[in-house]
């Protein structure tokens, strides 16, 4: 297992996702954030089953940056309980992982 993680974050729309992604990359909390449009989310919220269109962000970062990254997301996000889920990177190309460590090392 590496020290890098992938963080999944949903948002209500592309504009909010782009604003959050830009802030994370500019702050060095993520090396890259992909934005995937047209995600259909079915979930339980406040006792009801909801069916909404959302945007999914996939942020690549280092495990030790998860706490400040999550804090920044919560400060920027419009949801009261945003999805912020980290998954370990088991392996990856040495060149990409090296680049990721380099661009997130200034934090």
N, C-alpha and C. Protein backbone atom coordinates (compact mmCIF):
# COMPACT_ATOMS: atom_id res chain seq x y z
N UNK A 1 0.85 -1.18 0.00
CA UNK A 1 0.00 0.00 0.00
C UNK A 1 0.90 1.25 0.00
N UNK A 2 0.43 2.27 -0.67
CA UNK A 2 1.20 3.52 -0.75
C UNK A 2 0.66 4.51 0.28
N UNK A 3 1.27 5.67 0.35
CA UNK A 3 0.80 6.74 1.24
C UNK A 3 -0.20 7.65 0.57
N UNK A 4 -0.59 7.31 -0.65
CA UNK A 4 -1.54 8.14 -1.39
C UNK A 4 -2.95 7.60 -1.24
N UNK A 5 -3.92 8.50 -1.39
CA UNK A 5 -5.33 8.12 -1.30
C UNK A 5 -6.11 8.78 -2.43
N UNK A 6 -7.28 8.22 -2.69
CA UNK A 6 -8.27 8.80 -3.59
C UNK A 6 -9.46 9.17 -2.72
N UNK A 7 -9.94 10.40 -2.87
CA UNK A 7 -11.06 10.87 -2.05
C UNK A 7 -12.26 11.13 -2.95
N UNK A 8 -13.40 10.51 -2.61
CA UNK A 8 -14.64 10.70 -3.35
C UNK A 8 -15.47 11.76 -2.65
N UNK A 9 -15.96 12.72 -3.43
CA UNK A 9 -16.76 13.83 -2.90
C UNK A 9 -17.89 14.09 -3.89
N UNK A 10 -19.12 14.16 -3.40
CA UNK A 10 -20.23 14.53 -4.29
C UNK A 10 -20.59 15.98 -4.04
N UNK A 11 -21.18 16.60 -5.06
CA UNK A 11 -21.65 17.98 -4.99
C UNK A 11 -22.93 18.09 -5.80
N UNK A 12 -23.73 19.13 -5.53
CA UNK A 12 -25.00 19.25 -6.23
C UNK A 12 -24.88 19.67 -7.69
N UNK A 13 -23.75 20.26 -8.08
CA UNK A 13 -23.63 20.70 -9.46
C UNK A 13 -22.18 20.94 -9.85
N UNK A 14 -21.97 21.13 -11.15
CA UNK A 14 -20.62 21.27 -11.70
C UNK A 14 -19.93 22.55 -11.23
N UNK A 15 -20.66 23.65 -11.11
CA UNK A 15 -20.03 24.90 -10.67
C UNK A 15 -19.46 24.78 -9.27
N UNK A 16 -20.23 24.22 -8.35
CA UNK A 16 -19.73 24.04 -6.98
C UNK A 16 -18.55 23.07 -6.96
N UNK A 17 -18.65 21.99 -7.71
CA UNK A 17 -17.56 21.02 -7.77
C UNK A 17 -16.28 21.66 -8.31
N UNK A 18 -16.40 22.46 -9.35
CA UNK A 18 -15.23 23.12 -9.94
C UNK A 18 -14.61 24.11 -8.95
N UNK A 19 -15.44 24.81 -8.20
CA UNK A 19 -14.94 25.77 -7.21
C UNK A 19 -14.18 25.02 -6.11
N UNK A 20 -14.75 23.93 -5.62
CA UNK A 20 -14.10 23.14 -4.57
C UNK A 20 -12.80 22.53 -5.11
N UNK A 21 -12.86 21.93 -6.29
CA UNK A 21 -11.68 21.29 -6.88
C UNK A 21 -10.54 22.28 -7.07
N UNK A 22 -10.87 23.46 -7.59
CA UNK A 22 -9.85 24.49 -7.81
C UNK A 22 -9.19 24.89 -6.50
N UNK A 23 -9.99 25.10 -5.48
CA UNK A 23 -9.45 25.47 -4.15
C UNK A 23 -8.52 24.38 -3.61
N UNK A 24 -8.92 23.12 -3.75
CA UNK A 24 -8.10 22.02 -3.23
C UNK A 24 -6.76 21.93 -3.94
N UNK A 25 -6.78 22.08 -5.27
CA UNK A 25 -5.54 22.00 -6.04
C UNK A 25 -4.67 23.24 -5.79
N UNK A 26 -5.28 24.43 -5.77
CA UNK A 26 -4.50 25.65 -5.52
C UNK A 26 -3.84 25.62 -4.14
N UNK A 27 -4.52 25.03 -3.15
CA UNK A 27 -3.98 24.96 -1.79
C UNK A 27 -2.95 23.84 -1.63
N UNK A 28 -2.77 23.01 -2.66
CA UNK A 28 -1.84 21.90 -2.58
C UNK A 28 -2.37 20.72 -1.78
N UNK A 29 -3.68 20.73 -1.49
CA UNK A 29 -4.29 19.64 -0.74
C UNK A 29 -4.61 18.44 -1.62
N UNK A 30 -4.69 18.67 -2.92
CA UNK A 30 -4.90 17.61 -3.90
C UNK A 30 -4.04 17.92 -5.12
N UNK A 31 -3.53 16.88 -5.74
CA UNK A 31 -2.74 17.09 -6.95
C UNK A 31 -3.62 17.20 -8.18
N UNK A 32 -4.74 16.51 -8.15
CA UNK A 32 -5.66 16.48 -9.28
C UNK A 32 -7.04 16.14 -8.76
N UNK A 33 -8.06 16.76 -9.34
CA UNK A 33 -9.44 16.42 -9.02
C UNK A 33 -10.19 16.23 -10.32
N UNK A 34 -10.72 15.04 -10.55
CA UNK A 34 -11.57 14.79 -11.71
C UNK A 34 -13.00 15.10 -11.32
N UNK A 35 -13.76 15.66 -12.26
CA UNK A 35 -15.17 15.97 -12.03
C UNK A 35 -15.99 15.16 -13.03
N UNK A 36 -16.84 14.30 -12.49
CA UNK A 36 -17.68 13.44 -13.31
C UNK A 36 -19.12 13.92 -13.20
N UNK A 37 -19.69 14.34 -14.31
CA UNK A 37 -21.06 14.86 -14.32
C UNK A 37 -22.06 13.73 -14.43
N UNK A 38 -23.32 14.09 -14.18
CA UNK A 38 -24.46 13.20 -14.39
C UNK A 38 -24.39 11.91 -13.57
N UNK A 39 -24.06 12.05 -12.31
CA UNK A 39 -24.09 10.91 -11.39
C UNK A 39 -25.46 10.87 -10.74
N UNK A 40 -26.11 9.74 -10.79
CA UNK A 40 -27.42 9.59 -10.15
C UNK A 40 -27.21 8.96 -8.78
N UNK A 41 -27.65 9.64 -7.75
CA UNK A 41 -27.47 9.16 -6.38
C UNK A 41 -28.82 8.84 -5.75
N UNK A 42 -28.94 7.64 -5.24
CA UNK A 42 -30.14 7.22 -4.52
C UNK A 42 -29.68 6.93 -3.10
N UNK A 43 -30.27 7.64 -2.14
CA UNK A 43 -29.80 7.56 -0.76
C UNK A 43 -30.94 7.88 0.20
N UNK A 44 -30.74 7.51 1.45
CA UNK A 44 -31.72 7.83 2.49
C UNK A 44 -31.26 9.09 3.20
N UNK A 45 -32.17 10.06 3.32
CA UNK A 45 -31.86 11.32 4.00
C UNK A 45 -33.09 11.77 4.78
N UNK A 46 -32.92 11.95 6.07
CA UNK A 46 -33.97 12.41 6.96
C UNK A 46 -35.25 11.58 6.81
N UNK A 47 -35.06 10.25 6.79
CA UNK A 47 -36.18 9.32 6.77
C UNK A 47 -36.81 9.06 5.41
N UNK A 48 -36.31 9.71 4.36
CA UNK A 48 -36.87 9.52 3.01
C UNK A 48 -35.80 9.00 2.07
N UNK A 49 -36.23 8.22 1.09
CA UNK A 49 -35.32 7.81 0.03
C UNK A 49 -35.32 8.90 -1.04
N UNK A 50 -34.14 9.43 -1.32
CA UNK A 50 -33.98 10.51 -2.30
C UNK A 50 -33.36 9.95 -3.58
N UNK A 51 -33.65 10.63 -4.69
CA UNK A 51 -33.11 10.25 -5.99
C UNK A 51 -32.71 11.56 -6.68
N UNK A 52 -31.40 11.86 -6.67
CA UNK A 52 -30.92 13.15 -7.16
C UNK A 52 -29.80 12.99 -8.18
N UNK A 53 -29.64 14.03 -8.98
CA UNK A 53 -28.50 14.14 -9.87
C UNK A 53 -27.40 14.90 -9.13
N UNK A 54 -26.20 14.37 -9.17
CA UNK A 54 -25.07 15.02 -8.51
C UNK A 54 -23.85 14.97 -9.42
N UNK A 55 -22.78 15.56 -8.95
CA UNK A 55 -21.48 15.54 -9.60
C UNK A 55 -20.53 14.84 -8.64
N UNK A 56 -19.67 13.97 -9.16
CA UNK A 56 -18.71 13.26 -8.34
C UNK A 56 -17.32 13.81 -8.59
N UNK A 57 -16.64 14.17 -7.52
CA UNK A 57 -15.23 14.58 -7.61
C UNK A 57 -14.37 13.42 -7.13
N UNK A 58 -13.27 13.20 -7.83
CA UNK A 58 -12.30 12.17 -7.46
C UNK A 58 -10.98 12.91 -7.25
N UNK A 59 -10.59 13.09 -5.99
CA UNK A 59 -9.39 13.85 -5.65
C UNK A 59 -8.25 12.89 -5.31
N UNK A 60 -7.07 13.17 -5.84
CA UNK A 60 -5.90 12.37 -5.53
C UNK A 60 -4.99 13.19 -4.61
N UNK A 61 -4.59 12.57 -3.50
CA UNK A 61 -3.78 13.28 -2.51
C UNK A 61 -2.99 12.28 -1.68
N UNK A 62 -2.37 12.79 -0.61
CA UNK A 62 -1.62 11.95 0.32
C UNK A 62 -2.44 11.73 1.58
N UNK A 63 -2.28 10.57 2.19
CA UNK A 63 -3.06 10.20 3.37
C UNK A 63 -2.93 11.25 4.48
N UNK A 64 -1.74 11.80 4.70
CA UNK A 64 -1.56 12.76 5.78
C UNK A 64 -2.26 14.10 5.53
N UNK A 65 -2.73 14.32 4.31
CA UNK A 65 -3.46 15.55 4.00
C UNK A 65 -4.98 15.39 4.12
N UNK A 66 -5.44 14.18 4.48
CA UNK A 66 -6.89 13.96 4.51
C UNK A 66 -7.60 14.91 5.48
N UNK A 67 -7.11 15.08 6.68
CA UNK A 67 -7.80 15.93 7.66
C UNK A 67 -7.92 17.38 7.18
N UNK A 68 -6.83 18.03 6.72
CA UNK A 68 -7.01 19.40 6.23
C UNK A 68 -7.85 19.48 4.95
N UNK A 69 -7.74 18.46 4.10
CA UNK A 69 -8.56 18.42 2.88
C UNK A 69 -10.04 18.34 3.25
N UNK A 70 -10.39 17.44 4.16
CA UNK A 70 -11.79 17.29 4.57
C UNK A 70 -12.31 18.56 5.23
N UNK A 71 -11.48 19.20 6.03
CA UNK A 71 -11.88 20.46 6.68
C UNK A 71 -12.17 21.54 5.64
N UNK A 72 -11.31 21.64 4.63
CA UNK A 72 -11.51 22.64 3.57
C UNK A 72 -12.78 22.34 2.78
N UNK A 73 -13.02 21.06 2.48
CA UNK A 73 -14.24 20.68 1.74
C UNK A 73 -15.48 21.08 2.54
N UNK A 74 -15.50 20.76 3.84
CA UNK A 74 -16.66 21.11 4.67
C UNK A 74 -16.89 22.61 4.70
N UNK A 75 -15.82 23.40 4.70
CA UNK A 75 -15.96 24.86 4.72
C UNK A 75 -16.52 25.41 3.41
N UNK A 76 -16.24 24.74 2.30
CA UNK A 76 -16.64 25.22 0.98
C UNK A 76 -17.96 24.64 0.49
N UNK A 77 -18.38 23.53 1.06
CA UNK A 77 -19.49 22.74 0.53
C UNK A 77 -20.84 23.26 0.98
N UNK A 78 -21.84 23.14 0.12
CA UNK A 78 -23.19 23.59 0.46
C UNK A 78 -23.99 22.54 1.24
N UNK A 79 -23.56 21.27 1.20
CA UNK A 79 -24.28 20.23 1.94
C UNK A 79 -23.92 20.31 3.42
N UNK A 80 -24.88 20.02 4.29
CA UNK A 80 -24.59 19.98 5.73
C UNK A 80 -23.78 18.73 6.08
N UNK A 81 -23.92 17.67 5.29
CA UNK A 81 -23.16 16.44 5.50
C UNK A 81 -22.60 15.99 4.14
N UNK A 82 -21.50 16.60 3.70
CA UNK A 82 -20.96 16.21 2.39
C UNK A 82 -20.31 14.83 2.44
N UNK A 83 -20.39 14.14 1.32
CA UNK A 83 -19.68 12.86 1.19
C UNK A 83 -18.20 13.15 1.04
N UNK A 84 -17.39 12.62 1.94
CA UNK A 84 -15.93 12.74 1.87
C UNK A 84 -15.40 11.37 2.30
N UNK A 85 -15.06 10.54 1.33
CA UNK A 85 -14.65 9.17 1.59
C UNK A 85 -13.28 8.93 0.99
N UNK A 86 -12.34 8.47 1.81
CA UNK A 86 -10.98 8.20 1.33
C UNK A 86 -10.80 6.70 1.09
N UNK A 87 -10.17 6.40 -0.03
CA UNK A 87 -9.83 5.02 -0.39
C UNK A 87 -8.31 4.92 -0.55
N UNK A 88 -7.70 3.85 -0.06
CA UNK A 88 -6.25 3.72 -0.21
C UNK A 88 -5.87 3.42 -1.65
N UNK A 89 -4.70 3.90 -2.03
CA UNK A 89 -4.11 3.53 -3.31
C UNK A 89 -3.18 2.36 -3.02
N UNK A 90 -3.52 1.19 -3.53
CA UNK A 90 -2.73 0.00 -3.26
C UNK A 90 -1.41 0.02 -4.01
N UNK A 91 -1.45 0.55 -5.23
CA UNK A 91 -0.25 0.62 -6.05
C UNK A 91 -0.51 1.61 -7.16
N UNK A 92 0.51 2.03 -7.85
CA UNK A 92 0.35 2.96 -8.96
C UNK A 92 1.67 3.14 -9.68
N UNK A 93 1.63 3.83 -10.79
CA UNK A 93 2.88 4.04 -11.53
C UNK A 93 3.80 4.93 -10.68
N UNK A 94 5.06 4.56 -10.57
CA UNK A 94 5.99 5.35 -9.76
C UNK A 94 6.06 6.81 -10.21
N UNK A 95 5.96 7.04 -11.52
CA UNK A 95 6.04 8.41 -12.04
C UNK A 95 4.85 9.24 -11.56
N UNK A 96 3.64 8.66 -11.63
CA UNK A 96 2.45 9.41 -11.22
C UNK A 96 2.47 9.65 -9.71
N UNK A 97 2.78 8.63 -8.94
CA UNK A 97 2.79 8.78 -7.49
C UNK A 97 3.87 9.77 -7.06
N UNK A 98 5.01 9.76 -7.74
CA UNK A 98 6.06 10.74 -7.45
C UNK A 98 5.59 12.16 -7.74
N UNK A 99 4.92 12.34 -8.89
CA UNK A 99 4.36 13.65 -9.23
C UNK A 99 3.36 14.09 -8.17
N UNK A 100 2.49 13.19 -7.74
CA UNK A 100 1.46 13.53 -6.76
C UNK A 100 2.11 13.97 -5.45
N UNK A 101 3.12 13.25 -5.00
CA UNK A 101 3.81 13.65 -3.77
C UNK A 101 4.47 15.01 -3.94
N UNK A 102 5.04 15.25 -5.11
CA UNK A 102 5.72 16.53 -5.37
C UNK A 102 4.76 17.71 -5.32
N UNK A 103 3.61 17.59 -5.97
CA UNK A 103 2.70 18.75 -6.06
C UNK A 103 1.89 18.96 -4.80
N UNK A 104 1.91 17.98 -3.89
CA UNK A 104 1.19 18.16 -2.62
C UNK A 104 2.14 18.30 -1.44
N UNK A 105 3.41 18.43 -1.70
CA UNK A 105 4.38 18.47 -0.61
C UNK A 105 4.58 19.84 0.00
N UNK A 106 4.04 20.87 -0.61
CA UNK A 106 4.22 22.23 -0.09
C UNK A 106 3.28 22.59 1.03
N UNK A 107 2.41 21.67 1.40
CA UNK A 107 1.40 21.96 2.44
C UNK A 107 2.01 21.78 3.80
